[in-house]
C-alpha atoms as a PDB file:
ATOM      1  CA  MET A   1     -20.612  -1.431   0.669  1.00  0.00           C
ATOM      2  CA  THR A   2     -19.091  -4.048  -1.812  1.00  0.00           C
ATOM      3  CA  ILE A   3     -18.720  -4.492  -5.401  1.00  0.00           C
ATOM      4  CA  GLN A   4     -21.006  -6.687  -7.206  1.00  0.00           C
ATOM      5  CA  GLN A   5     -19.615  -9.817  -7.789  1.00  0.00           C
ATOM      6  CA  ASP A   6     -20.062  -9.947 -11.880  1.00  0.00           C
ATOM      7  CA  GLU A   7     -18.085  -6.819 -12.258  1.00  0.00           C
ATOM      8  CA  ILE A   8     -15.319  -8.204  -9.970  1.00  0.00           C
ATOM      9  CA  ASN A   9     -15.337 -11.312 -12.271  1.00  0.00           C
ATOM     10  CA  ALA A  10     -15.063  -9.001 -15.785  1.00  0.00           C
ATOM     11  CA  HIS A  11     -11.649  -7.963 -14.439  1.00  0.00           C
ATOM     12  CA  ARG A  12     -10.193 -11.188 -12.957  1.00  0.00           C
ATOM     13  CA  LEU A  13      -6.302 -12.013 -14.124  1.00  0.00           C
ATOM     14  CA  LYS A  14      -5.802 -14.134 -17.404  1.00  0.00           C
ATOM     15  CA  SER A  15      -4.404 -17.496 -16.711  1.00  0.00           C
ATOM     16  CA  GLY A  16      -0.682 -16.094 -17.842  1.00  0.00           C
ATOM     17  CA  GLN A  17      -0.998 -13.507 -15.475  1.00  0.00           C
ATOM     18  CA  MET A  18      -2.094 -15.742 -12.623  1.00  0.00           C
ATOM     19  CA  GLN A  19       0.989 -18.317 -13.630  1.00  0.00           C
ATOM     20  CA  ALA A  20       3.109 -15.486 -13.626  1.00  0.00           C
ATOM     21  CA  TYR A  21       2.174 -14.545 -10.011  1.00  0.00           C
ATOM     22  CA  GLN A  22       2.272 -17.990  -8.430  1.00  0.00           C
ATOM     23  CA  SER A  23       5.681 -18.276 -10.368  1.00  0.00           C
ATOM     24  CA  ASN A  24       7.690 -14.994  -9.579  1.00  0.00           C
ATOM     25  CA  GLY A  25       5.120 -13.527  -6.476  1.00  0.00           C
ATOM     26  CA  TYR A  26       4.089 -10.639  -8.768  1.00  0.00           C
ATOM     27  CA  VAL A  27       2.858  -9.518 -11.799  1.00  0.00           C
ATOM     28  CA  PHE A  28       2.722  -6.201 -14.132  1.00  0.00           C
ATOM     29  CA  PRO A  29       1.576  -4.315 -15.681  1.00  0.00           C
ATOM     30  CA  VAL A  30      -1.657  -4.823 -14.848  1.00  0.00           C
ATOM     31  CA  ASP A  31      -3.925  -2.071 -16.935  1.00  0.00           C
ATOM     32  CA  VAL A  32      -6.450  -0.279 -14.507  1.00  0.00           C
ATOM     33  CA  TYR A  33      -7.191   3.306 -15.644  1.00  0.00           C
ATOM     34  CA  SER A  34      -6.298   5.471 -18.930  1.00  0.00           C
ATOM     35  CA  GLU A  35      -3.604   7.912 -18.364  1.00  0.00           C
ATOM     36  CA  ALA A  36      -6.265  10.442 -18.951  1.00  0.00           C
ATOM     37  CA  GLU A  37      -8.183   8.994 -15.614  1.00  0.00           C
ATOM     38  CA  ALA A  38      -4.906   8.705 -13.956  1.00  0.00           C
ATOM     39  CA  ARG A  39      -4.441  12.391 -14.333  1.00  0.00           C
ATOM     40  CA  SER A  40      -7.605  13.124 -12.888  1.00  0.00           C
ATOM     41  CA  ILE A  41      -6.932  11.346 -10.133  1.00  0.00           C
ATOM     42  CA  ARG A  42      -3.734  13.182  -9.365  1.00  0.00           C
ATOM     43  CA  ARG A  43      -5.306  16.182 -10.238  1.00  0.00           C
ATOM     44  CA  GLN A  44      -7.815  15.515  -7.496  1.00  0.00           C
ATOM     45  CA  LEU A  45      -5.015  14.851  -4.978  1.00  0.00           C
ATOM     46  CA  GLU A  46      -3.125  17.542  -5.889  1.00  0.00           C
ATOM     47  CA  GLU A  47      -6.013  19.980  -5.505  1.00  0.00           C
ATOM     48  CA  VAL A  48      -6.242  18.513  -1.728  1.00  0.00           C
ATOM     49  CA  GLU A  49      -2.526  18.963  -0.860  1.00  0.00           C
ATOM     50  CA  ALA A  50      -2.531  22.533  -2.105  1.00  0.00           C
ATOM     51  CA  THR A  51      -5.342  23.140   0.386  1.00  0.00           C
ATOM     52  CA  ILE A  52      -4.093  21.987   3.400  1.00  0.00           C
ATOM     53  CA  LYS A  53      -0.171  22.641   2.769  1.00  0.00           C
ATOM     54  CA  ASP A  54       0.293  24.374   5.989  1.00  0.00           C
ATOM     55  CA  GLU A  55      -1.672  21.804   7.795  1.00  0.00           C
ATOM     56  CA  ALA A  56       0.753  18.852   8.955  1.00  0.00           C
ATOM     57  CA  GLU A  57      -1.647  16.630  10.569  1.00  0.00           C
ATOM     58  CA  LEU A  58      -4.090  16.460   7.404  1.00  0.00           C
ATOM     59  CA  LEU A  59      -1.270  16.033   5.312  1.00  0.00           C
ATOM     60  CA  ARG A  60       0.247  13.256   7.113  1.00  0.00           C
ATOM     61  CA  ALA A  61      -3.172  11.614   7.479  1.00  0.00           C
ATOM     62  CA  MET A  62      -3.893  12.192   3.912  1.00  0.00           C
ATOM     63  CA  HIS A  63      -0.516  10.153   2.838  1.00  0.00           C
ATOM     64  CA  ARG A  64      -0.849   7.465   5.456  1.00  0.00           C
ATOM     65  CA  ARG A  65      -4.750   6.530   4.991  1.00  0.00           C
ATOM     66  CA  PRO A  66      -6.228   8.545   2.145  1.00  0.00           C
ATOM     67  CA  SER A  67      -8.734   6.202   1.381  1.00  0.00           C
ATOM     68  CA  TRP A  68     -10.305   6.697   4.783  1.00  0.00           C
ATOM     69  CA  LEU A  69     -10.654  10.509   4.474  1.00  0.00           C
ATOM     70  CA  LEU A  70     -10.827  11.230   0.664  1.00  0.00           C
ATOM     71  CA  PRO A  71     -13.863   9.870  -1.365  1.00  0.00           C
ATOM     72  CA  PHE A  72     -11.867   9.938  -4.492  1.00  0.00           C
ATOM     73  CA  ILE A  73      -9.356   7.673  -3.070  1.00  0.00           C
ATOM     74  CA  ASP A  74     -11.894   4.810  -1.530  1.00  0.00           C
ATOM     75  CA  ALA A  75     -13.301   4.771  -4.957  1.00  0.00           C
ATOM     76  CA  VAL A  76      -9.636   3.664  -6.281  1.00  0.00           C
ATOM     77  CA  VAL A  77      -9.575   1.190  -3.344  1.00  0.00           C
ATOM     78  CA  ARG A  78     -13.124  -0.363  -4.335  1.00  0.00           C
ATOM     79  CA  ASP A  79     -13.007  -0.384  -7.941  1.00  0.00           C
ATOM     80  CA  PRO A  80     -13.387  -3.708  -9.871  1.00  0.00           C
ATOM     81  CA  ARG A  81     -10.762  -2.987 -12.147  1.00  0.00           C
ATOM     82  CA  VAL A  82      -8.263  -3.199  -8.950  1.00  0.00           C
ATOM     83  CA  VAL A  83     -10.238  -5.565  -7.183  1.00  0.00           C
ATOM     84  CA  GLY A  84     -11.261  -8.152  -9.536  1.00  0.00           C
ATOM     85  CA  PRO A  85      -7.470  -8.994  -9.920  1.00  0.00           C
ATOM     86  CA  VAL A  86      -6.922  -9.369  -6.296  1.00  0.00           C
ATOM     87  CA  THR A  87      -9.476 -11.654  -5.863  1.00  0.00           C
ATOM     88  CA  SER A  88      -8.261 -13.965  -8.711  1.00  0.00           C
ATOM     89  CA  ILE A  89      -5.203 -14.638  -6.258  1.00  0.00           C
ATOM     90  CA  LEU A  90      -6.993 -14.246  -2.728  1.00  0.00           C
ATOM     91  CA  GLY A  91     -10.713 -15.389  -3.608  1.00  0.00           C
ATOM     92  CA  THR A  92     -14.029 -13.818  -3.278  1.00  0.00           C
ATOM     93  CA  ASP A  93     -14.075 -12.622   0.193  1.00  0.00           C
ATOM     94  CA  VAL A  94     -11.630  -9.587   0.560  1.00  0.00           C
ATOM     95  CA  LEU A  95     -10.518  -6.588   3.076  1.00  0.00           C
ATOM     96  CA  ALA A  96      -8.823  -3.490   2.152  1.00  0.00           C
ATOM     97  CA  TYR A  97      -6.696  -3.604   5.109  1.00  0.00           C
ATOM     98  CA  ASN A  98      -5.077  -0.034   4.209  1.00  0.00           C
ATOM     99  CA  ALA A  99      -3.711   2.277   1.576  1.00  0.00           C
ATOM    100  CA  ALA A 100      -0.594   4.601   1.511  1.00  0.00           C
ATOM    101  CA  PHE A 101       0.786   6.815  -0.546  1.00  0.00           C
ATOM    102  CA  PHE A 102       4.209   6.946  -1.345  1.00  0.00           C
ATOM    103  CA  ILE A 103       5.542   9.993  -3.083  1.00  0.00           C
ATOM    104  CA  LYS A 104       8.838  10.984  -4.360  1.00  0.00           C
ATOM    105  CA  GLU A 105       9.381  14.301  -4.892  1.00  0.00           C
ATOM    106  CA  PRO A 106      11.633  15.322  -7.889  1.00  0.00           C
ATOM    107  CA  ASN A 107      15.301  15.011  -7.642  1.00  0.00           C
ATOM    108  CA  SER A 108      14.672  13.363  -4.465  1.00  0.00           C
ATOM    109  CA  ASP A 109      17.518  11.303  -2.540  1.00  0.00           C
ATOM    110  CA  ASN A 110      13.996   9.293  -0.516  1.00  0.00           C
ATOM    111  CA  PHE A 111      14.197   5.478  -1.042  1.00  0.00           C
ATOM    112  CA  VAL A 112      12.941   2.431   0.258  1.00  0.00           C
ATOM    113  CA  SER A 113      15.282  -0.169   1.506  1.00  0.00           C
ATOM    114  CA  TRP A 114      14.874  -3.970   0.525  1.00  0.00           C
ATOM    115  CA  HIS A 115      12.457  -5.352   2.867  1.00  0.00           C
ATOM    116  CA  GLN A 116       9.385  -7.689   3.131  1.00  0.00           C
ATOM    117  CA  ASP A 117       5.870  -6.061   4.272  1.00  0.00           C
ATOM    118  CA  LEU A 118       4.741  -9.224   6.062  1.00  0.00           C
ATOM    119  CA  HIS A 119       7.590  -9.633   8.315  1.00  0.00           C
ATOM    120  CA  TYR A 120       6.754  -6.568  10.807  1.00  0.00           C
ATOM    121  CA  TRP A 121       2.702  -6.267   9.826  1.00  0.00           C
ATOM    122  CA  GLY A 122       2.038  -8.592  12.721  1.00  0.00           C
ATOM    123  CA  PHE A 123      -0.232 -11.011  11.199  1.00  0.00           C
ATOM    124  CA  ASN A 124      -0.833 -14.770  12.010  1.00  0.00           C
ATOM    125  CA  LYS A 125      -0.415 -15.873   8.401  1.00  0.00           C
ATOM    126  CA  ALA A 126       0.155 -14.688   4.571  1.00  0.00           C
ATOM    127  CA  GLU A 127      -2.916 -13.870   2.373  1.00  0.00           C
ATOM    128  CA  GLU A 128      -1.840 -10.395   1.414  1.00  0.00           C
ATOM    129  CA  VAL A 129      -1.549  -8.934  -1.749  1.00  0.00           C
ATOM    130  CA  THR A 130      -0.599  -5.323  -2.641  1.00  0.00           C
ATOM    131  CA  ALA A 131      -1.682  -3.554  -5.777  1.00  0.00           C
ATOM    132  CA  TRP A 132       0.647  -0.409  -6.417  1.00  0.00           C
ATOM    133  CA  VAL A 133      -1.069   1.894  -8.299  1.00  0.00           C
ATOM    134  CA  ALA A 134       0.692   4.403 -10.298  1.00  0.00           C
ATOM    135  CA  LEU A 135      -0.633   7.771 -10.929  1.00  0.00           C
ATOM    136  CA  SER A 136       2.518   9.139 -12.321  1.00  0.00           C
ATOM    137  CA  PRO A 137       5.020   7.260 -14.697  1.00  0.00           C
ATOM    138  CA  SER A 138       7.046   5.168 -12.791  1.00  0.00           C
ATOM    139  CA  THR A 139      10.807   4.326 -14.317  1.00  0.00           C
ATOM    140  CA  ALA A 140      14.001   2.995 -13.225  1.00  0.00           C
ATOM    141  CA  GLU A 141      14.893   7.132 -13.286  1.00  0.00           C
ATOM    142  CA  SER A 142      12.063   8.298 -11.164  1.00  0.00           C
ATOM    143  CA  GLY A 143      12.957   5.190  -8.874  1.00  0.00           C
ATOM    144  CA  CYS A 144      10.209   2.804  -9.610  1.00  0.00           C
ATOM    145  CA  MET A 145      10.195  -0.520  -7.074  1.00  0.00           C
ATOM    146  CA  ARG A 146      12.101  -3.209  -7.819  1.00  0.00           C
ATOM    147  CA  PHE A 147      10.933  -6.914  -7.228  1.00  0.00           C
ATOM    148  CA  VAL A 148      13.576 -10.128  -6.823  1.00  0.00           C
ATOM    149  CA  PRO A 149      11.032 -13.119  -8.470  1.00  0.00           C
ATOM    150  CA  GLY A 150      10.544 -16.009  -5.968  1.00  0.00           C
ATOM    151  CA  SER A 151      12.023 -14.181  -2.810  1.00  0.00           C
ATOM    152  CA  HIS A 152       8.246 -14.195  -1.527  1.00  0.00           C
ATOM    153  CA  GLU A 153       8.699 -18.237  -0.660  1.00  0.00           C
ATOM    154  CA  LYS A 154      10.489 -17.301   2.416  1.00  0.00           C
ATOM    155  CA  ASP A 155      10.211 -14.989   5.563  1.00  0.00           C
ATOM    156  CA  VAL A 156      13.751 -13.475   6.404  1.00  0.00           C
ATOM    157  CA  GLU A 157      15.288 -11.151   9.346  1.00  0.00           C
ATOM    158  CA  HIS A 158      15.215  -7.679   8.937  1.00  0.00           C
ATOM    159  CA  VAL A 159      17.522  -4.964  10.903  1.00  0.00           C
ATOM    160  CA  ASP A 160      16.161  -1.458  11.736  1.00  0.00           C
ATOM    161  CA  THR A 161      18.612   1.394   9.957  1.00  0.00           C
ATOM    162  CA  PHE A 162      16.189   4.834  11.086  1.00  0.00           C
ATOM    163  CA  SER A 163      17.512   6.355   8.136  1.00  0.00           C
ATOM    164  CA  ASP A 164      15.603   9.765   7.865  1.00  0.00           C
ATOM    165  CA  GLN A 165      15.929   9.077   3.742  1.00  0.00           C
ATOM    166  CA  ASN A 166      14.209   5.806   3.913  1.00  0.00           C
ATOM    167  CA  MET A 167      10.165   6.054   3.849  1.00  0.00           C
ATOM    168  CA  LEU A 168       9.549   2.884   5.865  1.00  0.00           C
ATOM    169  CA  THR A 169       8.656   3.788   9.282  1.00  0.00           C
ATOM    170  CA  ARG A 170      11.981   1.999  10.950  1.00  0.00           C
ATOM    171  CA  GLY A 171      14.152   2.076   8.422  1.00  0.00           C
ATOM    172  CA  GLN A 172      13.730  -1.483   7.962  1.00  0.00           C
ATOM    173  CA  GLU A 173      16.033  -3.430   5.802  1.00  0.00           C
ATOM    174  CA  LEU A 174      16.648  -7.401   4.939  1.00  0.00           C
ATOM    175  CA  ALA A 175      19.249  -8.593   6.996  1.00  0.00           C
ATOM    176  CA  VAL A 176      20.206 -10.963   4.168  1.00  0.00           C
ATOM    177  CA  ALA A 177      22.286  -9.377   0.940  1.00  0.00           C
ATOM    178  CA  VAL A 178      20.628  -8.891  -2.376  1.00  0.00           C
ATOM    179  CA  LYS A 179      22.061  -9.161  -5.561  1.00  0.00           C
ATOM    180  CA  GLU A 180      20.937  -6.050  -7.613  1.00  0.00           C
ATOM    181  CA  GLU A 181      21.547  -8.123 -10.587  1.00  0.00           C
ATOM    182  CA  ASP A 182      18.782 -10.791  -9.892  1.00  0.00           C
ATOM    183  CA  ALA A 183      16.254  -7.597  -9.599  1.00  0.00           C
ATOM    184  CA  VAL A 184      13.544  -6.752 -11.643  1.00  0.00           C
ATOM    185  CA  ASP A 185      12.467  -3.267 -12.507  1.00  0.00           C
ATOM    186  CA  VAL A 186       8.483  -2.429 -12.095  1.00  0.00           C
ATOM    187  CA  ILE A 187       8.080  -0.163 -15.039  1.00  0.00           C
ATOM    188  CA  LEU A 188       4.282   1.286 -14.651  1.00  0.00           C
ATOM    189  CA  LYS A 189       2.454   3.715 -16.819  1.00  0.00           C
ATOM    190  CA  ALA A 190       0.304   6.271 -15.611  1.00  0.00           C
ATOM    191  CA  GLY A 191      -3.065   3.989 -14.749  1.00  0.00           C
ATOM    192  CA  GLN A 192      -1.423   0.821 -14.462  1.00  0.00           C
ATOM    193  CA  MET A 193      -0.588  -1.261 -11.347  1.00  0.00           C
ATOM    194  CA  SER A 194       1.660  -3.943 -10.092  1.00  0.00           C
ATOM    195  CA  LEU A 195       0.499  -7.150  -7.851  1.00  0.00           C
ATOM    196  CA  HIS A 196       2.932  -8.433  -5.272  1.00  0.00           C
ATOM    197  CA  HIS A 197       2.767 -11.077  -2.378  1.00  0.00           C
ATOM    198  CA  GLY A 198       3.804  -9.699   1.161  1.00  0.00           C
ATOM    199  CA  HIS A 199       7.005 -11.566   1.552  1.00  0.00           C
ATOM    200  CA  MET A 200       8.099 -10.314  -1.780  1.00  0.00           C
ATOM    201  CA  PHE A 201      11.563  -8.637  -1.651  1.00  0.00           C
ATOM    202  CA  HIS A 202      10.975  -5.043  -2.756  1.00  0.00           C
ATOM    203  CA  SER A 203      12.941  -1.562  -2.808  1.00  0.00           C
ATOM    204  CA  SER A 204      12.852   1.459  -4.689  1.00  0.00           C
ATOM    205  CA  GLY A 205      15.713   4.321  -5.058  1.00  0.00           C
ATOM    206  CA  ALA A 206      15.741   7.730  -5.484  1.00  0.00           C
ATOM    207  CA  ASN A 207      13.741  10.145  -7.898  1.00  0.00           C
ATOM    208  CA  ARG A 208      16.130  11.432 -10.450  1.00  0.00           C
ATOM    209  CA  SER A 209      13.469  12.858 -12.727  1.00  0.00           C
ATOM    210  CA  ASP A 210      11.782  16.290 -12.519  1.00  0.00           C
ATOM    211  CA  ASP A 211       8.472  14.829 -12.245  1.00  0.00           C
ATOM    212  CA  ARG A 212       7.017  13.646  -9.077  1.00  0.00           C
ATOM    213  CA  ARG A 213       6.501   9.540  -8.774  1.00  0.00           C
ATOM    214  CA  ILE A 214       3.376   9.147  -7.053  1.00  0.00           C
ATOM    215  CA  GLY A 215       2.213   5.902  -6.114  1.00  0.00           C
ATOM    216  CA  LEU A 216      -0.832   4.533  -4.135  1.00  0.00           C
ATOM    217  CA  ALA A 217      -0.142   1.204  -2.259  1.00  0.00           C
ATOM    218  CA  ILE A 218      -3.237  -0.521  -1.644  1.00  0.00           C
ATOM    219  CA  ARG A 219      -2.820  -3.846   1.020  1.00  0.00           C
ATOM    220  CA  TYR A 220      -5.845  -6.158   0.728  1.00  0.00           C
ATOM    221  CA  ILE A 221      -6.086  -9.416   2.888  1.00  0.00           C
ATOM    222  CA  THR A 222      -8.387 -12.395   3.553  1.00  0.00           C
ATOM    223  CA  PRO A 223     -10.722 -11.835   6.482  1.00  0.00           C
ATOM    224  CA  ASP A 224      -9.322 -14.607   8.441  1.00  0.00           C
ATOM    225  CA  MET A 225      -5.986 -12.625   8.566  1.00  0.00           C
ATOM    226  CA  CYS A 226      -5.645 -11.215  12.082  1.00  0.00           C
ATOM    227  CA  GLN A 227      -3.237  -9.502  14.374  1.00  0.00           C
ATOM    228  CA  VAL A 228      -0.974 -11.771  16.681  1.00  0.00           C
ATOM    229  CA  GLY A 229      -1.172  -9.191  19.384  1.00  0.00           C
ATOM    230  CA  GLY A 230      -4.768  -9.220  19.187  1.00  0.00           C
ATOM    231  CA  GLU A 231      -5.629  -5.906  18.228  1.00  0.00           C
ATOM    232  CA  ARG A 232      -8.782  -4.863  16.204  1.00  0.00           C
ATOM    233  CA  LEU A 233      -7.622  -2.818  13.453  1.00  0.00           C
ATOM    234  CA  GLY A 234      -9.715  -1.160  10.781  1.00  0.00           C
ATOM    235  CA  ALA A 235     -10.036  -2.724   7.582  1.00  0.00           C
ATOM    236  CA  SER A 236     -12.993  -2.152   4.484  1.00  0.00           C
ATOM    237  CA  VAL A 237     -15.062  -5.059   3.074  1.00  0.00           C
ATOM    238  CA  VAL A 238     -14.406  -4.542  -0.579  1.00  0.00           C
ATOM    239  CA  SER A 239     -15.773  -7.964  -1.811  1.00  0.00           C
ATOM    240  CA  GLY A 240     -17.734 -10.781  -0.506  1.00  0.00           C
ATOM    241  CA  GLU A 241     -18.176 -10.988   3.431  1.00  0.00           C
ATOM    242  CA  ASP A 242     -16.175 -10.764   6.627  1.00  0.00           C
ATOM    243  CA  ARG A 243     -17.812 -13.674   8.362  1.00  0.00           C
ATOM    244  CA  VAL A 244     -15.023 -13.611  10.923  1.00  0.00           C
ATOM    245  CA  GLY A 245     -14.845  -9.942  12.284  1.00  0.00           C
ATOM    246  CA  HIS A 246     -11.421  -9.604  13.273  1.00  0.00           C
ATOM    247  CA  TYR A 247     -11.521  -6.070  11.658  1.00  0.00           C
ATOM    248  CA  GLU A 248     -13.445  -2.683  12.647  1.00  0.00           C
ATOM    249  CA  ASP A 249     -15.452  -2.405   9.322  1.00  0.00           C
ATOM    250  CA  VAL A 250     -14.314   1.036   7.896  1.00  0.00           C
ATOM    251  CA  PRO A 251     -16.844   2.629   5.737  1.00  0.00           C
ATOM    252  CA  PRO A 252     -16.520   4.938   2.608  1.00  0.00           C
ATOM    253  CA  PRO A 253     -15.810   8.514   3.958  1.00  0.00           C
ATOM    254  CA  CYS A 254     -18.135  11.229   4.360  1.00  0.00           C
ATOM    255  CA  GLY A 255     -16.407  13.852   2.454  1.00  0.00           C
ATOM    256  CA  ILE A 256     -12.585  15.494   2.335  1.00  0.00           C
ATOM    257  CA  PHE A 257     -11.322  15.056   5.837  1.00  0.00           C
ATOM    258  CA  ASN A 258     -14.915  15.233   7.316  1.00  0.00           C
ATOM    259  CA  PRO A 259     -14.728  15.260  11.243  1.00  0.00           C
ATOM    260  CA  GLN A 260     -16.214  12.079  12.027  1.00  0.00           C
ATOM    261  CA  ASP A 261     -14.025  10.144   9.563  1.00  0.00           C
ATOM    262  CA  LEU A 262     -10.895  12.312  10.901  1.00  0.00           C
ATOM    263  CA  ASP A 263     -11.804  10.465  14.738  1.00  0.00           C
ATOM    264  CA  ARG A 264     -12.313   7.270  13.286  1.00  0.00           C
ATOM    265  CA  TYR A 265      -8.608   7.872  11.507  1.00  0.00           C
ATOM    266  CA  ARG A 266      -6.737   9.061  14.745  1.00  0.00           C
ATOM    267  CA  ARG A 267      -8.192   6.232  16.973  1.00  0.00           C
ATOM    268  CA  LEU A 268      -7.267   3.562  14.796  1.00  0.00           C
ATOM    269  CA  ILE A 269      -4.110   4.806  13.209  1.00  0.00           C
ATOM    270  CA  SER A 270      -2.643   4.787  17.119  1.00  0.00           C
ATOM    271  CA  LEU A 271      -3.467   1.014  17.295  1.00  0.00           C
ATOM    272  CA  ASP A 272      -2.029   0.412  13.917  1.00  0.00           C
ATOM    273  CA  HIS A 273       1.546   2.287  15.078  1.00  0.00           C
ATOM    274  CA  LYS A 274       1.739  -0.083  18.243  1.00  0.00           C
ATOM    275  CA  VAL A 275       1.789  -2.817  15.917  1.00  0.00           C
ATOM    276  CA  LYS A 276       4.058  -1.095  13.137  1.00  0.00           C
ATOM    277  CA  PHE A 277       6.754  -0.533  16.303  1.00  0.00           C
ATOM    278  CA  ARG A 278       6.489  -3.710  17.917  1.00  0.00           C
ATOM    279  CA  GLY A 279       9.990  -4.497  18.933  1.00  0.00           C
ATOM    280  CA  ALA A 280      11.720  -1.290  17.648  1.00  0.00           C
ATOM    281  CA  GLU A 281      14.790  -0.870  20.010  1.00  0.00           C
ATOM    282  CA  GLN A 282      14.723   3.043  19.494  1.00  0.00           C
ATOM    283  CA  LYS A 283      12.007   5.796  18.939  1.00  0.00           C
ATOM    284  CA  THR A 284      12.532   7.659  15.639  1.00  0.00           C
ATOM    285  CA  ASP A 285      11.170  11.221  15.045  1.00  0.00           C
ATOM    286  CA  LYS A 286       9.077   9.270  13.135  1.00  0.00           C
ATOM    287  CA  GLN A 287       7.688   7.174  16.104  1.00  0.00           C
ATOM    288  CA  ILE A 288       7.311  10.143  18.088  1.00  0.00           C
ATOM    289  CA  THR A 289       5.180  12.175  15.883  1.00  0.00           C
ATOM    290  CA  ALA A 290       2.965   8.786  15.803  1.00  0.00           C
ATOM    291  CA  ASP A 291       2.314   8.850  19.100  1.00  0.00           C
ATOM    292  CA  ALA A 292       1.618  12.409  19.616  1.00  0.00           C
ATOM    293  CA  ALA A 293      -0.510  12.981  16.778  1.00  0.00           C
ATOM    294  CA  PRO A 294      -1.743  11.296  13.267  1.00  0.00           C
END
C-alpha cells in the first residue's frame, strides 16, 4: 500500500525548509499533527502499554518496531504529512526502514550520547532521513534532541561505552569531541517533527521534567540502500515503488500484536540485531536479550 502521490506532493517542504536541510543537515519544526491529534496517538500508545505492562517481550517489541505491530503507528509512518516532507529530500521512491520509540520517563537519567546513526547501520550509502515525531513536548528540560549544524557532511569513528543509562544499543558515541556551545536544541511541540540526515551529530540529555518525553523516530531510505553484509531486512514501501527488492516488504499490521505480525517481527528483528551489533567487542545485557527474545 502506497500513499497517493498528489497527497504527498501537497506536504512537500517549502524552499526555505529545503535550504535549511541542505545547509545544516536538519530542519525543524515541521508541523504534522495538531496537539489534539498528538494526544490521541499518545493515548492509544499508553492504553496499549497498560494492557501489556507485565509482558516484557511485547513491551520491547512495541518500542523497537511499533509500526510493524500497531496499526495506529503504521498510519503515522505512512501519513502524507510525514512522508511528503521526506520525499522532498529523498525523491518519490521511499521505504520506511524502521520506526522506534524513544521514551524518557519523568525525572529519568536516561540519555542518548553524541553519535551518527548511519555509522553503525551497515548501509552501502547515505540516502536516509529520520523523521522524529513528538507525541509530547520535547524541550531542553525534558531532554530534547540536540544537533550540530553541518556535521552531516562527514562520517567519523565511534566507540562503544555500553552505558546502562545510554538508550543506544551499544552505548556508542563519537570518538571526537563535540563543543556543546555549537549544538542546537531541537524544541518541538507535541505534533511537530524534525528531519535529520543519518550522519548528523545528535544526542539528547536526561528528562528533568514531570512528564514523559515521547518521540517516534521513523527512518526512511531510498530503495537502492542495501546492507553491505547482504542481509535482507524488512522495510515498508510508503511512496512510489521499490524496483530493486533489497528488502522484504512489511505490510500494515493486521491488528494489535497479531500473531502473524509478531512472527515476522521476531524473524526480522533477529537479522537487524546482527547488523547493529556487528563488530561489538563484548556482549551487553541488551545484546544478550536481543539474542534470546524480541
